[in-house]
PDB file of all heavy atoms in Angstrom:
ATOM      1  N   ILE A   1      84.644  78.481  92.457  1.00  0.00           N
ATOM      2  CA  ILE A   1      86.010  78.423  93.047  1.00  0.00           C
ATOM      3  C   ILE A   1      86.474  79.851  93.155  1.00  0.00           C
ATOM      4  O   ILE A   1      86.719  80.541  92.123  1.00  0.00           O
ATOM      5  CB  ILE A   1      86.958  77.454  92.364  1.00  0.00           C
ATOM      6  CG1 ILE A   1      86.372  76.105  92.185  1.00  0.00           C
ATOM      7  CG2 ILE A   1      88.281  77.488  93.076  1.00  0.00           C
ATOM      8  CD1 ILE A   1      87.371  75.090  91.429  1.00  0.00           C
ATOM      9  N   ASN A   2      86.856  80.237  94.310  1.00  0.00           N
ATOM     10  CA  ASN A   2      87.212  81.590  94.625  1.00  0.00           C
ATOM     11  C   ASN A   2      88.753  81.592  94.631  1.00  0.00           C
ATOM     12  O   ASN A   2      89.399  80.864  95.410  1.00  0.00           O
ATOM     13  CB  ASN A   2      86.625  82.044  96.024  1.00  0.00           C
ATOM     14  CG  ASN A   2      86.935  83.509  96.364  1.00  0.00           C
ATOM     15  OD1 ASN A   2      87.290  84.266  95.612  1.00  0.00           O
ATOM     16  ND2 ASN A   2      86.843  83.768  97.679  1.00  0.00           N
ATOM     17  N   LEU A   3      89.394  82.474  93.770  1.00  0.00           N
ATOM     18  CA  LEU A   3      90.942  82.427  93.759  1.00  0.00           C
ATOM     19  C   LEU A   3      91.346  83.861  94.242  1.00  0.00           C
ATOM     20  O   LEU A   3      91.828  84.685  93.292  1.00  0.00           O
ATOM     21  CB  LEU A   3      91.406  82.112  92.255  1.00  0.00           C
ATOM     22  CG  LEU A   3      91.077  80.803  91.701  1.00  0.00           C
ATOM     23  CD1 LEU A   3      91.899  80.599  90.369  1.00  0.00           C
ATOM     24  CD2 LEU A   3      91.434  79.668  92.675  1.00  0.00           C
ATOM     25  N   PRO A   4      91.416  84.286  95.384  1.00  0.00           N
ATOM     26  CA  PRO A   4      91.805  85.573  95.847  1.00  0.00           C
ATOM     27  C   PRO A   4      93.340  85.682  95.868  1.00  0.00           C
ATOM     28  O   PRO A   4      93.998  84.618  95.964  1.00  0.00           O
ATOM     29  CB  PRO A   4      91.202  85.705  97.228  1.00  0.00           C
ATOM     30  CG  PRO A   4      91.241  84.236  97.763  1.00  0.00           C
ATOM     31  CD  PRO A   4      90.890  83.505  96.519  1.00  0.00           C
ATOM     32  N   LYS A   5      93.868  86.857  96.035  1.00  0.00           N
ATOM     33  CA  LYS A   5      95.271  87.233  96.233  1.00  0.00           C
ATOM     34  C   LYS A   5      95.307  87.798  97.567  1.00  0.00           C
ATOM     35  O   LYS A   5      94.474  88.622  98.035  1.00  0.00           O
ATOM     36  CB  LYS A   5      95.608  88.300  95.175  1.00  0.00           C
ATOM     37  CG  LYS A   5      97.150  88.705  95.273  1.00  0.00           C
ATOM     38  CD  LYS A   5      97.888  87.833  94.280  1.00  0.00           C
ATOM     39  CE  LYS A   5      99.239  88.259  93.927  1.00  0.00           C
ATOM     40  NZ  LYS A   5     100.064  87.415  93.054  1.00  0.00           N
ATOM     41  N   VAL A   6      96.453  87.557  98.316  1.00  0.00           N
ATOM     42  CA  VAL A   6      96.658  88.028  99.724  1.00  0.00           C
ATOM     43  C   VAL A   6      96.993  89.488  99.551  1.00  0.00           C
ATOM     44  O   VAL A   6      98.139  89.762  98.998  1.00  0.00           O
ATOM     45  CB  VAL A   6      97.587  87.237 100.451  1.00  0.00           C
ATOM     46  CG1 VAL A   6      97.782  87.844 101.881  1.00  0.00           C
ATOM     47  CG2 VAL A   6      97.207  85.770 100.625  1.00  0.00           C
ATOM     48  N   LYS A   7      96.317  90.516  99.957  1.00  0.00           N
ATOM     49  CA  LYS A   7      96.579  91.883  99.836  1.00  0.00           C
ATOM     50  C   LYS A   7      96.040  92.799 100.994  1.00  0.00           C
ATOM     51  O   LYS A   7      94.973  92.365 101.510  1.00  0.00           O
ATOM     52  CB  LYS A   7      96.039  92.401  98.550  1.00  0.00           C
ATOM     53  CG  LYS A   7      96.655  91.844  97.230  1.00  0.00           C
ATOM     54  CD  LYS A   7      96.315  92.567  96.100  1.00  0.00           C
ATOM     55  CE  LYS A   7      94.815  92.538  95.828  1.00  0.00           C
ATOM     56  NZ  LYS A   7      94.409  93.337  94.546  1.00  0.00           N
ATOM     57  N   THR A   8      96.673  93.710 101.233  1.00  0.00           N
ATOM     58  CA  THR A   8      96.089  94.794 102.184  1.00  0.00           C
ATOM     59  C   THR A   8      95.015  95.620 101.320  1.00  0.00           C
ATOM     60  O   THR A   8      95.070  95.644 100.163  1.00  0.00           O
ATOM     61  CB  THR A   8      97.152  95.674 102.774  1.00  0.00           C
ATOM     62  OG1 THR A   8      97.943  96.199 101.704  1.00  0.00           O
ATOM     63  CG2 THR A   8      98.040  94.925 103.768  1.00  0.00           C
ATOM     64  N   HIS A   9      94.326  96.388 102.110  1.00  0.00           N
ATOM     65  CA  HIS A   9      93.259  97.211 101.485  1.00  0.00           C
ATOM     66  C   HIS A   9      93.084  98.450 102.302  1.00  0.00           C
ATOM     67  O   HIS A   9      92.861  98.475 103.575  1.00  0.00           O
ATOM     68  CB  HIS A   9      92.017  96.466 101.418  1.00  0.00           C
ATOM     69  CG  HIS A   9      90.968  97.024 100.541  1.00  0.00           C
ATOM     70  ND1 HIS A   9      90.160  98.149 100.806  1.00  0.00           N
ATOM     71  CD2 HIS A   9      90.555  96.577  99.220  1.00  0.00           C
ATOM     72  CE1 HIS A   9      89.395  98.320  99.730  1.00  0.00           C
ATOM     73  NE2 HIS A   9      89.531  97.560  98.802  1.00  0.00           N
ATOM     74  N   GLY A  10      93.040  99.657 101.602  1.00  0.00           N
ATOM     75  CA  GLY A  10      92.892 100.910 102.403  1.00  0.00           C
ATOM     76  C   GLY A  10      91.646 101.156 103.085  1.00  0.00           C
ATOM     77  O   GLY A  10      91.719 101.841 104.111  1.00  0.00           O
ATOM     78  N   LEU A  11      90.452 100.526 102.632  1.00  0.00           N
ATOM     79  CA  LEU A  11      89.320 100.731 103.345  1.00  0.00           C
ATOM     80  C   LEU A  11      88.994  99.594 104.236  1.00  0.00           C
ATOM     81  O   LEU A  11      88.503  99.735 105.337  1.00  0.00           O
ATOM     82  CB  LEU A  11      88.193 100.945 102.275  1.00  0.00           C
ATOM     83  CG  LEU A  11      86.746 101.313 102.899  1.00  0.00           C
ATOM     84  CD1 LEU A  11      86.758 102.609 103.519  1.00  0.00           C
ATOM     85  CD2 LEU A  11      85.690 101.303 101.840  1.00  0.00           C
ATOM     86  N   THR A  12      89.054  98.285 103.877  1.00  0.00           N
ATOM     87  CA  THR A  12      88.709  97.166 104.488  1.00  0.00           C
ATOM     88  C   THR A  12      89.929  96.562 105.339  1.00  0.00           C
ATOM     89  O   THR A  12      89.687  95.513 105.936  1.00  0.00           O
ATOM     90  CB  THR A  12      88.066  96.092 103.757  1.00  0.00           C
ATOM     91  OG1 THR A  12      88.922  95.624 102.670  1.00  0.00           O
ATOM     92  CG2 THR A  12      86.772  96.653 102.989  1.00  0.00           C
ATOM     93  N   ILE A  13      91.083  97.172 105.169  1.00  0.00           N
ATOM     94  CA  ILE A  13      92.412  96.764 105.689  1.00  0.00           C
ATOM     95  C   ILE A  13      92.972  95.561 105.068  1.00  0.00           C
ATOM     96  O   ILE A  13      94.125  95.517 104.822  1.00  0.00           O
ATOM     97  CB  ILE A  13      92.247  96.508 107.229  1.00  0.00           C
ATOM     98  CG1 ILE A  13      91.593  97.719 107.940  1.00  0.00           C
ATOM     99  CG2 ILE A  13      93.626  96.321 107.921  1.00  0.00           C
ATOM    100  CD1 ILE A  13      91.278  97.504 109.379  1.00  0.00           C
ATOM    101  N   PHE A  14      92.083  94.554 104.848  1.00  0.00           N
ATOM    102  CA  PHE A  14      92.552  93.234 104.281  1.00  0.00           C
ATOM    103  C   PHE A  14      91.650  92.888 103.169  1.00  0.00           C
ATOM    104  O   PHE A  14      90.298  92.985 103.309  1.00  0.00           O
ATOM    105  CB  PHE A  14      92.652  92.200 105.415  1.00  0.00           C
ATOM    106  CG  PHE A  14      93.119  90.862 105.055  1.00  0.00           C
ATOM    107  CD1 PHE A  14      94.424  90.735 104.602  1.00  0.00           C
ATOM    108  CD2 PHE A  14      92.224  89.779 105.035  1.00  0.00           C
ATOM    109  CE1 PHE A  14      94.930  89.473 104.257  1.00  0.00           C
ATOM    110  CE2 PHE A  14      92.736  88.416 104.771  1.00  0.00           C
ATOM    111  CZ  PHE A  14      94.046  88.351 104.343  1.00  0.00           C
ATOM    112  N   THR A  15      92.165  92.253 102.088  1.00  0.00           N
ATOM    113  CA  THR A  15      91.344  91.652 101.118  1.00  0.00           C
ATOM    114  C   THR A  15      91.734  90.241 100.729  1.00  0.00           C
ATOM    115  O   THR A  15      93.059  90.118 100.409  1.00  0.00           O
ATOM    116  CB  THR A  15      91.235  92.490  99.856  1.00  0.00           C
ATOM    117  OG1 THR A  15      90.496  91.770  98.792  1.00  0.00           O
ATOM    118  CG2 THR A  15      92.499  92.896  99.323  1.00  0.00           C
ATOM    119  N   CYS A  16      90.999  89.266 100.846  1.00  0.00           N
ATOM    120  CA  CYS A  16      91.195  87.840 100.421  1.00  0.00           C
ATOM    121  C   CYS A  16      90.066  87.170 100.022  1.00  0.00           C
ATOM    122  O   CYS A  16      89.332  87.697  99.187  1.00  0.00           O
ATOM    123  CB  CYS A  16      92.065  87.094 101.472  1.00  0.00           C
ATOM    124  SG  CYS A  16      92.934  85.679 101.061  1.00  0.00           S
ATOM    125  N   ALA A  17      89.604  86.040 100.735  1.00  0.00           N
ATOM    126  CA  ALA A  17      88.627  85.284 100.242  1.00  0.00           C
ATOM    127  C   ALA A  17      87.181  85.975 100.317  1.00  0.00           C
ATOM    128  O   ALA A  17      86.465  85.988  99.378  1.00  0.00           O
ATOM    129  CB  ALA A  17      88.469  83.922 101.114  1.00  0.00           C
ATOM    130  N   VAL A  18      86.884  86.612 101.362  1.00  0.00           N
ATOM    131  CA  VAL A  18      85.545  87.231 101.478  1.00  0.00           C
ATOM    132  C   VAL A  18      85.471  88.493 100.567  1.00  0.00           C
ATOM    133  O   VAL A  18      84.626  88.603  99.754  1.00  0.00           O
ATOM    134  CB  VAL A  18      85.250  87.634 102.936  1.00  0.00           C
ATOM    135  CG1 VAL A  18      83.967  88.444 103.003  1.00  0.00           C
ATOM    136  CG2 VAL A  18      85.121  86.411 103.799  1.00  0.00           C
ATOM    137  N   LYS A  19      86.433  89.389 100.580  1.00  0.00           N
ATOM    138  CA  LYS A  19      86.318  90.507  99.810  1.00  0.00           C
ATOM    139  C   LYS A  19      86.458  90.179  98.413  1.00  0.00           C
ATOM    140  O   LYS A  19      85.900  90.991  97.560  1.00  0.00           O
ATOM    141  CB  LYS A  19      87.550  91.490 100.278  1.00  0.00           C
ATOM    142  CG  LYS A  19      87.785  92.741  99.478  1.00  0.00           C
ATOM    143  CD  LYS A  19      86.411  93.676  99.683  1.00  0.00           C
ATOM    144  CE  LYS A  19      86.667  95.022  98.906  1.00  0.00           C
ATOM    145  NZ  LYS A  19      86.897  95.020  97.376  1.00  0.00           N
ATOM    146  N   ASN A  20      87.082  89.283  97.946  1.00  0.00           N
ATOM    147  CA  ASN A  20      87.307  88.906  96.534  1.00  0.00           C
ATOM    148  C   ASN A  20      85.978  88.718  95.863  1.00  0.00           C
ATOM    149  O   ASN A  20      85.991  88.894  94.743  1.00  0.00           O
ATOM    150  CB  ASN A  20      88.222  87.684  96.228  1.00  0.00           C
ATOM    151  CG  ASN A  20      88.633  87.533  94.831  1.00  0.00           C
ATOM    152  OD1 ASN A  20      89.104  88.426  94.277  1.00  0.00           O
ATOM    153  ND2 ASN A  20      88.485  86.348  94.317  1.00  0.00           N
ATOM    154  N   MET A  21      84.965  88.180  96.555  1.00  0.00           N
ATOM    155  CA  MET A  21      83.748  87.900  95.918  1.00  0.00           C
ATOM    156  C   MET A  21      82.898  89.192  95.652  1.00  0.00           C
ATOM    157  O   MET A  21      81.851  89.108  94.950  1.00  0.00           O
ATOM    158  CB  MET A  21      82.862  87.061  96.838  1.00  0.00           C
ATOM    159  CG  MET A  21      83.463  85.625  96.963  1.00  0.00           C
ATOM    160  SD  MET A  21      83.796  84.818  95.526  1.00  0.00           S
ATOM    161  CE  MET A  21      82.250  84.544  94.719  1.00  0.00           C
ATOM    162  N   TYR A  22      83.382  90.380  96.027  1.00  0.00           N
ATOM    163  CA  TYR A  22      82.725  91.650  95.741  1.00  0.00           C
ATOM    164  C   TYR A  22      82.763  91.747  94.092  1.00  0.00           C
ATOM    165  O   TYR A  22      81.957  92.509  93.656  1.00  0.00           O
ATOM    166  CB  TYR A  22      83.538  92.877  96.405  1.00  0.00           C
ATOM    167  CG  TYR A  22      82.871  94.064  96.377  1.00  0.00           C
ATOM    168  CD1 TYR A  22      81.606  94.252  96.926  1.00  0.00           C
ATOM    169  CD2 TYR A  22      83.432  95.178  95.745  1.00  0.00           C
ATOM    170  CE1 TYR A  22      80.914  95.487  96.948  1.00  0.00           C
ATOM    171  CE2 TYR A  22      82.762  96.468  95.736  1.00  0.00           C
ATOM    172  CZ  TYR A  22      81.586  96.605  96.321  1.00  0.00           C
ATOM    173  OH  TYR A  22      80.888  97.782  96.266  1.00  0.00           O
ATOM    174  N   GLY A  23      83.727  91.125  93.448  1.00  0.00           N
ATOM    175  CA  GLY A  23      83.867  91.195  92.076  1.00  0.00           C
ATOM    176  C   GLY A  23      82.734  90.535  91.337  1.00  0.00           C
ATOM    177  O   GLY A  23      82.681  90.574  90.119  1.00  0.00           O
ATOM    178  N   VAL A  24      81.851  89.810  91.967  1.00  0.00           N
ATOM    179  CA  VAL A  24      80.760  89.185  91.181  1.00  0.00           C
ATOM    180  C   VAL A  24      79.547  90.185  91.026  1.00  0.00           C
ATOM    181  O   VAL A  24      78.666  89.969  90.229  1.00  0.00           O
ATOM    182  CB  VAL A  24      80.105  88.050  92.117  1.00  0.00           C
ATOM    183  CG1 VAL A  24      81.187  86.926  92.330  1.00  0.00           C
ATOM    184  CG2 VAL A  24      79.376  88.489  93.355  1.00  0.00           C
ATOM    185  N   VAL A  25      79.763  91.468  91.540  1.00  0.00           N
ATOM    186  CA  VAL A  25      78.884  92.574  91.193  1.00  0.00           C
ATOM    187  C   VAL A  25      79.341  93.169  89.924  1.00  0.00           C
ATOM    188  O   VAL A  25      80.552  93.626  89.836  1.00  0.00           O
ATOM    189  CB  VAL A  25      78.840  93.551  92.291  1.00  0.00           C
ATOM    190  CG1 VAL A  25      77.906  94.784  91.926  1.00  0.00           C
ATOM    191  CG2 VAL A  25      78.364  92.958  93.528  1.00  0.00           C
ATOM    192  N   PRO A  26      78.469  93.253  88.842  1.00  0.00           N
ATOM    193  CA  PRO A  26      79.011  93.695  87.626  1.00  0.00           C
ATOM    194  C   PRO A  26      79.249  95.205  87.468  1.00  0.00           C
ATOM    195  O   PRO A  26      78.579  95.946  88.034  1.00  0.00           O
ATOM    196  CB  PRO A  26      77.871  93.444  86.561  1.00  0.00           C
ATOM    197  CG  PRO A  26      77.031  92.328  87.247  1.00  0.00           C
ATOM    198  CD  PRO A  26      77.182  92.676  88.719  1.00  0.00           C
ATOM    199  N   GLY A  27      80.415  95.556  86.898  1.00  0.00           N
ATOM    200  CA  GLY A  27      80.717  96.830  86.478  1.00  0.00           C
ATOM    201  C   GLY A  27      80.653  97.920  87.540  1.00  0.00           C
ATOM    202  O   GLY A  27      81.081  97.808  88.777  1.00  0.00           O
ATOM    203  N   LEU A  28      80.062  99.119  87.190  1.00  0.00           N
ATOM    204  CA  LEU A  28      80.062 100.232  88.058  1.00  0.00           C
ATOM    205  C   LEU A  28      79.009 100.317  89.246  1.00  0.00           C
ATOM    206  O   LEU A  28      78.930 101.209  89.920  1.00  0.00           O
ATOM    207  CB  LEU A  28      79.987 101.551  87.301  1.00  0.00           C
ATOM    208  CG  LEU A  28      81.307 101.954  86.438  1.00  0.00           C
ATOM    209  CD1 LEU A  28      81.004 103.149  85.613  1.00  0.00           C
ATOM    210  CD2 LEU A  28      82.539 102.145  87.373  1.00  0.00           C
ATOM    211  N   ILE A  29      78.234  99.100  89.140  1.00  0.00           N
ATOM    212  CA  ILE A  29      77.225  99.045  90.242  1.00  0.00           C
ATOM    213  C   ILE A  29      78.023  99.034  91.625  1.00  0.00           C
ATOM    214  O   ILE A  29      77.536  99.485  92.550  1.00  0.00           O
ATOM    215  CB  ILE A  29      76.518  97.752  90.102  1.00  0.00           C
ATOM    216  CG1 ILE A  29      75.599  97.823  88.771  1.00  0.00           C
ATOM    217  CG2 ILE A  29      75.456  97.476  91.254  1.00  0.00           C
ATOM    218  CD1 ILE A  29      74.930  96.411  88.417  1.00  0.00           C
ATOM    219  N   LYS A  30      79.268  98.482  91.568  1.00  0.00           N
ATOM    220  CA  LYS A  30      80.144  98.396  92.883  1.00  0.00           C
ATOM    221  C   LYS A  30      80.193  99.805  93.306  1.00  0.00           C
ATOM    222  O   LYS A  30      80.307  99.960  94.578  1.00  0.00           O
ATOM    223  CB  LYS A  30      81.315  97.811  92.477  1.00  0.00           C
ATOM    224  CG  LYS A  30      81.211  96.251  92.135  1.00  0.00           C
ATOM    225  CD  LYS A  30      82.615  95.659  91.992  1.00  0.00           C
ATOM    226  CE  LYS A  30      83.418  95.931  90.759  1.00  0.00           C
ATOM    227  NZ  LYS A  30      82.604  95.413  89.543  1.00  0.00           N
ATOM    228  N   THR A  31      80.426 100.806  92.497  1.00  0.00           N
ATOM    229  CA  THR A  31      80.620 102.147  93.064  1.00  0.00           C
ATOM    230  C   THR A  31      79.361 102.589  93.704  1.00  0.00           C
ATOM    231  O   THR A  31      79.585 103.512  94.677  1.00  0.00           O
ATOM    232  CB  THR A  31      81.095 103.082  91.913  1.00  0.00           C
ATOM    233  OG1 THR A  31      80.091 103.264  90.983  1.00  0.00           O
ATOM    234  CG2 THR A  31      82.331 102.527  91.318  1.00  0.00           C
ATOM    235  N   GLU A  32      78.207 102.226  93.312  1.00  0.00           N
ATOM    236  CA  GLU A  32      77.017 102.663  93.989  1.00  0.00           C
ATOM    237  C   GLU A  32      77.048 102.118  95.442  1.00  0.00           C
ATOM    238  O   GLU A  32      76.524 102.865  96.335  1.00  0.00           O
ATOM    239  CB  GLU A  32      75.754 102.134  93.145  1.00  0.00           C
ATOM    240  CG  GLU A  32      75.591 102.972  91.846  1.00  0.00           C
ATOM    241  CD  GLU A  32      75.379 104.468  92.183  1.00  0.00           C
ATOM    242  OE1 GLU A  32      74.524 104.770  93.026  1.00  0.00           O
ATOM    243  OE2 GLU A  32      76.010 105.272  91.509  1.00  0.00           O
TER     244      GLU A  32
END
């Protein structure tokens, strides 16, 4: 169950359901 927050985003412009799942990548692997 995906529980995003409605927000703007500097790089992707918008973050909600799709962008929220980026957090399933552990830790600083995301920065890579």
